[in-house]
Amino acid sequence: MRSRFKPLLRIFCFSMNYKNNPIGVFDSGIGGLTVANAIRKALPHETLIYFGDTAHMPYGDKSAEAIKYYSLKIAKFLQLMGCKAIVIACNTASSLAYQDVKDFLGETLPIMNVIDPVVAHIAQQGTYKNIGVIGTKATIKSAVYPKKLLPLTPNLVVKSLATPLLAPMIEEGFFENNISKTVINTYLSSSKLKNIEAIVLACTHYPLIQKEINQFYNGKIDILNTAHIVASHVKQQLLEKNLLSGTKTGKDQFFVSDKTTSFENSTRLFFGNKINLQQKNIWANNV
């Protein structure tokens, strides 16, 4: 009789332990660390596995086909690492590869992006008439924000501006100095962003320069920090799917496709000095 129940017992134990599996988060570089850090604060009992594709950063000037390829490879790697959910912590990958990743792995685990939670947040606010969106060339070219926002808020005017120098500037550690101030002020002075009441930081790197953006606007417009919005969404999704961990059972892990000093410094800025940053070549293996 006991042998009949062994398979069921194994399934039950796996189901219980699966809650304690890590959440996978990936981006082209350090930007997704803002999302990972927000998730850690919102969900202190969760363990994270982060992958920064620094070898191919920035994604914003890559083709859609390349971005989809990188995203599928990384998502498969995170699945093989035992992740119970994956967060695409990159606006460019979210706009161009989310559906592909979801179609590829969505049957096995939840896939979340950084765009849909922000769109839902703006629609729920319902107070803006003119909103600005700044992001990479690929994100802005995809027009993903106006495409998703306008059906929900038809009277909203979405003013988009590609800001391609910001992500590599941040990746190299150039923020809160004269160089970043000049670049940021030049972009934000564009007539394309005239008369906006709020601005979407449509690149997960940009919360790192939120202070400087706020200084440019003298605190007169709302700056939507997407990291906090996404972290709340992740918490809600895991709660609904009964996947919240009751206790932190492992250490956060950080992988990069190309190890750089700036990435290591940025990771420690968010997660302290006790991280073990590992370089991982996932491209040689077939997905």
C-alpha atoms as a PDB file:
ATOM      1  CA  MET A   1       0.000   0.000   0.000  1.00  0.00           C
ATOM      2  CA  ARG A   2       2.799   2.388   0.885  1.00  0.00           C
ATOM      3  CA  SER A   3       4.354   2.118  -2.589  1.00  0.00           C
ATOM      4  CA  ARG A   4       1.126   3.352  -4.209  1.00  0.00           C
ATOM      5  CA  PHE A   5       1.463   6.665  -2.421  1.00  0.00           C
ATOM      6  CA  LYS A   6       5.156   7.290  -3.083  1.00  0.00           C
ATOM      7  CA  PRO A   7       4.627   9.110  -6.441  1.00  0.00           C
ATOM      8  CA  LEU A   8       1.931  11.301  -4.901  1.00  0.00           C
ATOM      9  CA  LEU A   9       4.167  11.999  -1.924  1.00  0.00           C
ATOM     10  CA  ARG A  10       7.030  13.032  -4.220  1.00  0.00           C
ATOM     11  CA  ILE A  11       4.704  15.361  -6.170  1.00  0.00           C
ATOM     12  CA  PHE A  12       3.404  16.885  -2.934  1.00  0.00           C
ATOM     13  CA  CYS A  13       6.918  17.425  -1.547  1.00  0.00           C
ATOM     14  CA  PHE A  14       8.078  18.963  -4.856  1.00  0.00           C
ATOM     15  CA  SER A  15       5.072  21.289  -4.839  1.00  0.00           C
ATOM     16  CA  MET A  16       5.829  22.410  -1.289  1.00  0.00           C
ATOM     17  CA  ASN A  17       9.560  22.899  -1.958  1.00  0.00           C
ATOM     18  CA  TYR A  18       8.971  24.624  -5.288  1.00  0.00           C
ATOM     19  CA  LYS A  19       7.741  27.695  -3.427  1.00  0.00           C
ATOM     20  CA  ASN A  20      11.262  28.123  -2.100  1.00  0.00           C
ATOM     21  CA  ASN A  21      12.829  28.019  -5.559  1.00  0.00           C
ATOM     22  CA  PRO A  22      14.411  31.263  -6.768  1.00  0.00           C
ATOM     23  CA  ILE A  23      12.940  34.018  -8.905  1.00  0.00           C
ATOM     24  CA  GLY A  24      14.906  34.585 -12.113  1.00  0.00           C
ATOM     25  CA  VAL A  25      15.557  38.158 -13.245  1.00  0.00           C
ATOM     26  CA  PHE A  26      17.420  39.205 -16.367  1.00  0.00           C
ATOM     27  CA  ASP A  27      18.483  42.324 -18.231  1.00  0.00           C
ATOM     28  CA  SER A  28      21.142  43.388 -20.693  1.00  0.00           C
ATOM     29  CA  GLY A  29      23.264  44.796 -17.872  1.00  0.00           C
ATOM     30  CA  ILE A  30      22.984  46.560 -14.527  1.00  0.00           C
ATOM     31  CA  GLY A  31      19.587  48.162 -15.141  1.00  0.00           C
ATOM     32  CA  GLY A  32      17.624  45.132 -14.039  1.00  0.00           C
ATOM     33  CA  LEU A  33      19.371  45.337 -10.668  1.00  0.00           C
ATOM     34  CA  THR A  34      16.947  48.160  -9.845  1.00  0.00           C
ATOM     35  CA  VAL A  35      14.089  45.699 -10.353  1.00  0.00           C
ATOM     36  CA  ALA A  36      15.885  42.886  -8.513  1.00  0.00           C
ATOM     37  CA  ASN A  37      16.566  45.205  -5.581  1.00  0.00           C
ATOM     38  CA  ALA A  38      12.925  46.329  -5.469  1.00  0.00           C
ATOM     39  CA  ILE A  39      11.789  42.677  -5.536  1.00  0.00           C
ATOM     40  CA  ARG A  40      14.172  41.860  -2.675  1.00  0.00           C
ATOM     41  CA  LYS A  41      12.705  44.679  -0.587  1.00  0.00           C
ATOM     42  CA  ALA A  42       9.102  43.749  -1.410  1.00  0.00           C
ATOM     43  CA  LEU A  43       9.744  40.010  -0.961  1.00  0.00           C
ATOM     44  CA  PRO A  44      12.547  39.551   1.604  1.00  0.00           C
ATOM     45  CA  HIS A  45      11.931  35.795   1.860  1.00  0.00           C
ATOM     46  CA  GLU A  46      12.598  35.174  -1.825  1.00  0.00           C
ATOM     47  CA  THR A  47      15.886  34.057  -3.358  1.00  0.00           C
ATOM     48  CA  LEU A  48      16.991  35.657  -6.639  1.00  0.00           C
ATOM     49  CA  ILE A  49      19.043  34.506  -9.593  1.00  0.00           C
ATOM     50  CA  TYR A  50      20.100  37.445 -11.758  1.00  0.00           C
ATOM     51  CA  PHE A  51      21.575  37.280 -15.261  1.00  0.00           C
ATOM     52  CA  GLY A  52      23.091  40.390 -16.819  1.00  0.00           C
ATOM     53  CA  ASP A  53      23.854  39.977 -20.511  1.00  0.00           C
ATOM     54  CA  THR A  54      26.763  42.413 -20.418  1.00  0.00           C
ATOM     55  CA  ALA A  55      28.385  40.827 -23.482  1.00  0.00           C
ATOM     56  CA  HIS A  56      25.509  42.087 -25.659  1.00  0.00           C
ATOM     57  CA  MET A  57      24.675  45.298 -23.851  1.00  0.00           C
ATOM     58  CA  PRO A  58      22.982  47.562 -24.839  1.00  0.00           C
ATOM     59  CA  TYR A  59      19.963  45.762 -26.250  1.00  0.00           C
ATOM     60  CA  GLY A  60      18.495  49.042 -27.470  1.00  0.00           C
ATOM     61  CA  ASP A  61      20.495  49.103 -30.693  1.00  0.00           C
ATOM     62  CA  LYS A  62      20.177  45.383 -31.488  1.00  0.00           C
ATOM     63  CA  SER A  63      17.767  43.824 -33.979  1.00  0.00           C
ATOM     64  CA  ALA A  64      14.514  42.299 -32.770  1.00  0.00           C
ATOM     65  CA  GLU A  65      15.745  38.858 -33.852  1.00  0.00           C
ATOM     66  CA  ALA A  66      18.924  39.197 -31.785  1.00  0.00           C
ATOM     67  CA  ILE A  67      17.041  40.365 -28.702  1.00  0.00           C
ATOM     68  CA  LYS A  68      14.615  37.453 -28.971  1.00  0.00           C
ATOM     69  CA  TYR A  69      17.504  35.011 -29.312  1.00  0.00           C
ATOM     70  CA  TYR A  70      19.345  36.397 -26.269  1.00  0.00           C
ATOM     71  CA  SER A  71      16.150  36.455 -24.214  1.00  0.00           C
ATOM     72  CA  LEU A  72      15.203  32.853 -25.036  1.00  0.00           C
ATOM     73  CA  LYS A  73      18.687  31.591 -24.176  1.00  0.00           C
ATOM     74  CA  ILE A  74      18.721  33.417 -20.838  1.00  0.00           C
ATOM     75  CA  ALA A  75      15.172  32.368 -19.948  1.00  0.00           C
ATOM     76  CA  LYS A  76      16.050  28.730 -20.645  1.00  0.00           C
ATOM     77  CA  PHE A  77      19.150  29.047 -18.468  1.00  0.00           C
ATOM     78  CA  LEU A  78      17.068  30.448 -15.603  1.00  0.00           C
ATOM     79  CA  GLN A  79      14.547  27.639 -16.018  1.00  0.00           C
ATOM     80  CA  LEU A  80      17.338  25.056 -15.833  1.00  0.00           C
ATOM     81  CA  MET A  81      18.569  26.790 -12.673  1.00  0.00           C
ATOM     82  CA  GLY A  82      15.232  25.896 -11.102  1.00  0.00           C
ATOM     83  CA  CYS A  83      13.577  29.297 -11.117  1.00  0.00           C
ATOM     84  CA  LYS A  84       9.861  29.252 -10.238  1.00  0.00           C
ATOM     85  CA  ALA A  85       9.190  32.490 -12.145  1.00  0.00           C
ATOM     86  CA  ILE A  86      11.083  34.750 -14.537  1.00  0.00           C
ATOM     87  CA  VAL A  87      11.022  38.548 -14.674  1.00  0.00           C
ATOM     88  CA  ILE A  88      12.234  40.175 -17.895  1.00  0.00           C
ATOM     89  CA  ALA A  89      13.738  43.244 -16.236  1.00  0.00           C
ATOM     90  CA  CYS A  90      14.424  45.048 -19.489  1.00  0.00           C
ATOM     91  CA  ASN A  91      12.000  47.232 -21.408  1.00  0.00           C
ATOM     92  CA  THR A  92      13.591  46.428 -24.757  1.00  0.00           C
ATOM     93  CA  ALA A  93      13.382  42.672 -24.199  1.00  0.00           C
ATOM     94  CA  SER A  94       9.905  43.064 -22.683  1.00  0.00           C
ATOM     95  CA  SER A  95       8.655  44.913 -25.766  1.00  0.00           C
ATOM     96  CA  LEU A  96      10.235  42.597 -28.348  1.00  0.00           C
ATOM     97  CA  ALA A  97      10.724  39.174 -26.752  1.00  0.00           C
ATOM     98  CA  TYR A  98       8.151  38.771 -23.960  1.00  0.00           C
ATOM     99  CA  GLN A  99       5.611  36.888 -26.064  1.00  0.00           C
ATOM    100  CA  ASP A 100       8.306  34.607 -27.478  1.00  0.00           C
ATOM    101  CA  VAL A 101       9.609  33.766 -24.005  1.00  0.00           C
ATOM    102  CA  LYS A 102       6.067  33.266 -22.743  1.00  0.00           C
ATOM    103  CA  ASP A 103       5.222  30.962 -25.659  1.00  0.00           C
ATOM    104  CA  PHE A 104       8.455  29.048 -25.072  1.00  0.00           C
ATOM    105  CA  LEU A 105       8.294  28.623 -21.286  1.00  0.00           C
ATOM    106  CA  GLY A 106       4.915  29.963 -20.215  1.00  0.00           C
ATOM    107  CA  GLU A 107       3.445  26.494 -19.855  1.00  0.00           C
ATOM    108  CA  THR A 108       5.988  25.631 -17.191  1.00  0.00           C
ATOM    109  CA  LEU A 109       6.398  28.803 -15.131  1.00  0.00           C
ATOM    110  CA  PRO A 110       5.106  32.393 -14.867  1.00  0.00           C
ATOM    111  CA  ILE A 111       6.835  34.936 -17.138  1.00  0.00           C
ATOM    112  CA  MET A 112       6.532  38.622 -16.230  1.00  0.00           C
ATOM    113  CA  ASN A 113       7.685  41.775 -17.994  1.00  0.00           C
ATOM    114  CA  VAL A 114       8.284  45.357 -16.872  1.00  0.00           C
ATOM    115  CA  ILE A 115       5.831  47.064 -19.228  1.00  0.00           C
ATOM    116  CA  ASP A 116       2.367  45.659 -18.489  1.00  0.00           C
ATOM    117  CA  PRO A 117       2.461  46.493 -14.737  1.00  0.00           C
ATOM    118  CA  VAL A 118       3.406  50.102 -15.522  1.00  0.00           C
ATOM    119  CA  VAL A 119       0.674  50.425 -18.150  1.00  0.00           C
ATOM    120  CA  ALA A 120      -1.879  49.078 -15.670  1.00  0.00           C
ATOM    121  CA  HIS A 121      -0.619  51.506 -13.006  1.00  0.00           C
ATOM    122  CA  ILE A 122      -0.983  54.519 -15.304  1.00  0.00           C
ATOM    123  CA  ALA A 123      -4.460  53.430 -16.419  1.00  0.00           C
ATOM    124  CA  GLN A 124      -5.555  52.982 -12.809  1.00  0.00           C
ATOM    125  CA  GLN A 125      -4.287  56.459 -11.927  1.00  0.00           C
ATOM    126  CA  GLY A 126      -6.416  57.973 -14.669  1.00  0.00           C
ATOM    127  CA  THR A 127      -5.218  61.502 -13.855  1.00  0.00           C
ATOM    128  CA  TYR A 128      -2.713  62.274 -16.597  1.00  0.00           C
ATOM    129  CA  LYS A 129      -3.415  64.082 -19.871  1.00  0.00           C
ATOM    130  CA  ASN A 130       0.149  64.221 -21.205  1.00  0.00           C
ATOM    131  CA  ILE A 131       2.761  61.660 -20.298  1.00  0.00           C
ATOM    132  CA  GLY A 132       6.345  61.282 -21.482  1.00  0.00           C
ATOM    133  CA  VAL A 133       8.197  58.041 -22.163  1.00  0.00           C
ATOM    134  CA  ILE A 134      11.983  57.826 -22.444  1.00  0.00           C
ATOM    135  CA  GLY A 135      13.789  54.625 -23.377  1.00  0.00           C
ATOM    136  CA  THR A 136      16.125  52.907 -25.811  1.00  0.00           C
ATOM    137  CA  LYS A 137      15.744  53.210 -29.571  1.00  0.00           C
ATOM    138  CA  ALA A 138      14.241  49.730 -29.783  1.00  0.00           C
ATOM    139  CA  THR A 139      11.672  50.359 -27.038  1.00  0.00           C
ATOM    140  CA  ILE A 140      10.570  53.692 -28.464  1.00  0.00           C
ATOM    141  CA  LYS A 141      10.520  52.350 -32.031  1.00  0.00           C
ATOM    142  CA  SER A 142       8.248  49.491 -30.920  1.00  0.00           C
ATOM    143  CA  ALA A 143       5.710  52.084 -29.673  1.00  0.00           C
ATOM    144  CA  VAL A 144       4.743  49.520 -27.047  1.00  0.00           C
ATOM    145  CA  TYR A 145       3.675  52.092 -24.460  1.00  0.00           C
ATOM    146  CA  PRO A 146       1.228  54.067 -26.645  1.00  0.00           C
ATOM    147  CA  LYS A 147      -0.056  50.808 -28.170  1.00  0.00           C
ATOM    148  CA  LYS A 148      -0.883  49.429 -24.730  1.00  0.00           C
ATOM    149  CA  LEU A 149      -1.923  52.681 -23.043  1.00  0.00           C
ATOM    150  CA  LEU A 150      -4.254  54.253 -25.602  1.00  0.00           C
ATOM    151  CA  PRO A 151      -6.877  51.452 -25.639  1.00  0.00           C
ATOM    152  CA  LEU A 152      -7.119  51.839 -21.846  1.00  0.00           C
ATOM    153  CA  THR A 153      -6.821  55.639 -21.705  1.00  0.00           C
ATOM    154  CA  PRO A 154      -7.937  56.986 -25.115  1.00  0.00           C
ATOM    155  CA  ASN A 155      -7.642  60.657 -24.070  1.00  0.00           C
ATOM    156  CA  LEU A 156      -4.044  60.315 -22.941  1.00  0.00           C
ATOM    157  CA  VAL A 157      -1.305  61.898 -25.069  1.00  0.00           C
ATOM    158  CA  VAL A 158       1.877  59.806 -24.993  1.00  0.00           C
ATOM    159  CA  LYS A 159       5.055  61.680 -25.962  1.00  0.00           C
ATOM    160  CA  SER A 160       7.975  59.348 -26.605  1.00  0.00           C
ATOM    161  CA  LEU A 161      11.686  60.094 -26.906  1.00  0.00           C
ATOM    162  CA  ALA A 162      14.563  57.717 -27.603  1.00  0.00           C
ATOM    163  CA  THR A 163      17.491  58.400 -25.258  1.00  0.00           C
ATOM    164  CA  PRO A 164      20.146  55.944 -26.508  1.00  0.00           C
ATOM    165  CA  LEU A 165      23.142  57.401 -24.650  1.00  0.00           C
ATOM    166  CA  LEU A 166      21.668  57.003 -21.183  1.00  0.00           C
ATOM    167  CA  ALA A 167      21.913  53.219 -20.699  1.00  0.00           C
ATOM    168  CA  PRO A 168      25.575  52.860 -21.774  1.00  0.00           C
ATOM    169  CA  MET A 169      26.419  56.000 -19.773  1.00  0.00           C
ATOM    170  CA  ILE A 170      24.881  54.461 -16.649  1.00  0.00           C
ATOM    171  CA  GLU A 171      26.438  51.068 -17.389  1.00  0.00           C
ATOM    172  CA  GLU A 172      29.861  52.724 -17.300  1.00  0.00           C
ATOM    173  CA  GLY A 173      29.094  54.420 -13.987  1.00  0.00           C
ATOM    174  CA  PHE A 174      28.606  57.930 -15.339  1.00  0.00           C
ATOM    175  CA  PHE A 175      25.774  59.313 -13.229  1.00  0.00           C
ATOM    176  CA  GLU A 176      25.484  62.106 -10.680  1.00  0.00           C
ATOM    177  CA  ASN A 177      28.281  64.064 -12.350  1.00  0.00           C
ATOM    178  CA  ASN A 178      28.695  66.831 -14.941  1.00  0.00           C
ATOM    179  CA  ILE A 179      28.702  64.388 -17.860  1.00  0.00           C
ATOM    180  CA  SER A 180      25.401  62.798 -16.910  1.00  0.00           C
ATOM    181  CA  LYS A 181      23.826  66.160 -16.098  1.00  0.00           C
ATOM    182  CA  THR A 182      24.677  67.499 -19.563  1.00  0.00           C
ATOM    183  CA  VAL A 183      23.370  64.426 -21.393  1.00  0.00           C
ATOM    184  CA  ILE A 184      20.196  64.185 -19.290  1.00  0.00           C
ATOM    185  CA  ASN A 185      19.377  67.884 -19.594  1.00  0.00           C
ATOM    186  CA  THR A 186      19.918  67.807 -23.367  1.00  0.00           C
ATOM    187  CA  TYR A 187      17.478  64.935 -23.791  1.00  0.00           C
ATOM    188  CA  LEU A 188      14.823  66.233 -21.407  1.00  0.00           C
ATOM    189  CA  SER A 189      14.903  69.684 -23.043  1.00  0.00           C
ATOM    190  CA  SER A 190      13.536  68.159 -26.247  1.00  0.00           C
ATOM    191  CA  SER A 191      10.323  69.702 -27.561  1.00  0.00           C
ATOM    192  CA  LYS A 192       8.952  66.150 -27.833  1.00  0.00           C
ATOM    193  CA  LEU A 193       8.529  66.137 -24.045  1.00  0.00           C
ATOM    194  CA  LYS A 194       6.884  69.543 -23.783  1.00  0.00           C
ATOM    195  CA  ASN A 195       4.072  69.985 -21.222  1.00  0.00           C
ATOM    196  CA  ILE A 196       4.190  66.490 -19.787  1.00  0.00           C
ATOM    197  CA  GLU A 197       2.751  65.819 -16.326  1.00  0.00           C
ATOM    198  CA  ALA A 198       4.594  62.552 -15.718  1.00  0.00           C
ATOM    199  CA  ILE A 199       7.455  60.624 -17.251  1.00  0.00           C
ATOM    200  CA  VAL A 200       7.902  56.868 -17.584  1.00  0.00           C
ATOM    201  CA  LEU A 201      11.465  55.684 -17.102  1.00  0.00           C
ATOM    202  CA  ALA A 202      11.078  53.022 -19.789  1.00  0.00           C
ATOM    203  CA  CYS A 203      14.489  51.487 -19.209  1.00  0.00           C
ATOM    204  CA  THR A 204      15.397  49.743 -15.991  1.00  0.00           C
ATOM    205  CA  HIS A 205      18.746  51.563 -15.962  1.00  0.00           C
ATOM    206  CA  TYR A 206      17.032  54.920 -15.568  1.00  0.00           C
ATOM    207  CA  PRO A 207      16.010  54.749 -11.876  1.00  0.00           C
ATOM    208  CA  LEU A 208      19.729  55.154 -11.216  1.00  0.00           C
ATOM    209  CA  ILE A 209      19.464  58.698 -12.600  1.00  0.00           C
ATOM    210  CA  GLN A 210      16.003  59.438 -11.183  1.00  0.00           C
ATOM    211  CA  LYS A 211      17.452  62.023  -8.808  1.00  0.00           C
ATOM    212  CA  GLU A 212      18.990  63.954 -11.705  1.00  0.00           C
ATOM    213  CA  ILE A 213      15.788  63.734 -13.748  1.00  0.00           C
ATOM    214  CA  ASN A 214      13.828  65.054 -10.786  1.00  0.00           C
ATOM    215  CA  GLN A 215      16.304  67.927 -10.427  1.00  0.00           C
ATOM    216  CA  PHE A 216      15.784  68.870 -14.081  1.00  0.00           C
ATOM    217  CA  TYR A 217      12.028  69.099 -13.553  1.00  0.00           C
ATOM    218  CA  ASN A 218      12.374  70.701 -10.108  1.00  0.00           C
ATOM    219  CA  GLY A 219      10.006  68.105  -8.710  1.00  0.00           C
ATOM    220  CA  LYS A 220       7.102  69.495 -10.785  1.00  0.00           C
ATOM    221  CA  ILE A 221       6.197  66.285 -12.620  1.00  0.00           C
ATOM    222  CA  ASP A 222       5.668  62.704 -11.491  1.00  0.00           C
ATOM    223  CA  ILE A 223       8.539  60.346 -12.243  1.00  0.00           C
ATOM    224  CA  LEU A 224       7.273  56.784 -12.513  1.00  0.00           C
ATOM    225  CA  ASN A 225       9.850  54.446 -10.981  1.00  0.00           C
ATOM    226  CA  THR A 226       9.005  51.261 -12.804  1.00  0.00           C
ATOM    227  CA  ALA A 227      11.080  49.066 -10.465  1.00  0.00           C
ATOM    228  CA  HIS A 228       8.724  49.566  -7.511  1.00  0.00           C
ATOM    229  CA  ILE A 229       5.635  49.045  -9.664  1.00  0.00           C
ATOM    230  CA  VAL A 230       7.034  45.823 -11.129  1.00  0.00           C
ATOM    231  CA  ALA A 231       8.053  44.486  -7.709  1.00  0.00           C
ATOM    232  CA  SER A 232       4.488  44.942  -6.439  1.00  0.00           C
ATOM    233  CA  HIS A 233       3.204  43.122  -9.520  1.00  0.00           C
ATOM    234  CA  VAL A 234       5.598  40.212  -8.981  1.00  0.00           C
ATOM    235  CA  LYS A 235       4.462  39.906  -5.376  1.00  0.00           C
ATOM    236  CA  GLN A 236       0.813  39.860  -6.424  1.00  0.00           C
ATOM    237  CA  GLN A 237       1.396  37.279  -9.159  1.00  0.00           C
ATOM    238  CA  LEU A 238       3.251  34.910  -6.844  1.00  0.00           C
ATOM    239  CA  LEU A 239       0.564  35.334  -4.213  1.00  0.00           C
ATOM    240  CA  GLU A 240      -2.192  34.489  -6.703  1.00  0.00           C
ATOM    241  CA  LYS A 241      -0.283  31.427  -7.926  1.00  0.00           C
ATOM    242  CA  ASN A 242       0.496  30.278  -4.368  1.00  0.00           C
ATOM    243  CA  LEU A 243       4.232  30.549  -5.049  1.00  0.00           C
ATOM    244  CA  LEU A 244       5.351  32.891  -2.262  1.00  0.00           C
ATOM    245  CA  SER A 245       8.225  31.536  -0.224  1.00  0.00           C
ATOM    246  CA  GLY A 246       7.792  31.365   3.527  1.00  0.00           C
ATOM    247  CA  THR A 247      11.500  31.626   4.234  1.00  0.00           C
ATOM    248  CA  LYS A 248      14.694  32.493   2.396  1.00  0.00           C
ATOM    249  CA  THR A 249      16.432  29.174   1.840  1.00  0.00           C
ATOM    250  CA  GLY A 250      19.370  30.103  -0.381  1.00  0.00           C
ATOM    251  CA  LYS A 251      21.756  32.864  -1.388  1.00  0.00           C
ATOM    252  CA  ASP A 252      21.079  35.259  -4.243  1.00  0.00           C
ATOM    253  CA  GLN A 253      23.174  34.429  -7.292  1.00  0.00           C
ATOM    254  CA  PHE A 254      24.468  36.829  -9.916  1.00  0.00           C
ATOM    255  CA  PHE A 255      25.618  35.787 -13.383  1.00  0.00           C
ATOM    256  CA  VAL A 256      26.946  37.850 -16.279  1.00  0.00           C
ATOM    257  CA  SER A 257      27.848  36.929 -19.828  1.00  0.00           C
ATOM    258  CA  ASP A 258      30.922  39.178 -19.590  1.00  0.00           C
ATOM    259  CA  LYS A 259      32.394  40.182 -16.235  1.00  0.00           C
ATOM    260  CA  THR A 260      33.016  43.909 -15.904  1.00  0.00           C
ATOM    261  CA  THR A 261      34.212  46.063 -13.015  1.00  0.00           C
ATOM    262  CA  SER A 262      31.316  48.501 -13.395  1.00  0.00           C
ATOM    263  CA  PHE A 263      28.759  45.704 -13.167  1.00  0.00           C
ATOM    264  CA  GLU A 264      30.439  44.213 -10.099  1.00  0.00           C
ATOM    265  CA  ASN A 265      30.528  47.620  -8.400  1.00  0.00           C
ATOM    266  CA  SER A 266      26.879  48.280  -9.232  1.00  0.00           C
ATOM    267  CA  THR A 267      25.808  44.867  -7.943  1.00  0.00           C
ATOM    268  CA  ARG A 268      27.547  45.498  -4.649  1.00  0.00           C
ATOM    269  CA  LEU A 269      25.957  48.934  -4.488  1.00  0.00           C
ATOM    270  CA  PHE A 270      22.545  47.228  -4.294  1.00  0.00           C
ATOM    271  CA  PHE A 271      23.334  43.908  -2.635  1.00  0.00           C
ATOM    272  CA  GLY A 272      26.408  44.507  -0.472  1.00  0.00           C
ATOM    273  CA  ASN A 273      29.934  43.135  -0.630  1.00  0.00           C
ATOM    274  CA  LYS A 274      29.064  39.472  -0.066  1.00  0.00           C
ATOM    275  CA  ILE A 275      27.990  38.706  -3.623  1.00  0.00           C
ATOM    276  CA  ASN A 276      29.635  36.077  -5.792  1.00  0.00           C
ATOM    277  CA  LEU A 277      29.540  37.422  -9.330  1.00  0.00           C
ATOM    278  CA  GLN A 278      29.984  34.591 -11.831  1.00  0.00           C
ATOM    279  CA  GLN A 279      30.709  34.806 -15.536  1.00  0.00           C
ATOM    280  CA  LYS A 280      28.619  32.294 -17.486  1.00  0.00           C
ATOM    281  CA  ASN A 281      28.772  31.420 -21.161  1.00  0.00           C
ATOM    282  CA  ILE A 282      25.305  30.148 -22.043  1.00  0.00           C
ATOM    283  CA  TRP A 283      25.584  30.708 -25.787  1.00  0.00           C
ATOM    284  CA  ALA A 284      27.500  27.513 -26.584  1.00  0.00           C
ATOM    285  CA  ASN A 285      24.606  25.324 -25.441  1.00  0.00           C
ATOM    286  CA  ASN A 286      21.479  24.759 -27.518  1.00  0.00           C
ATOM    287  CA  VAL A 287      18.191  25.987 -25.984  1.00  0.00           C
END
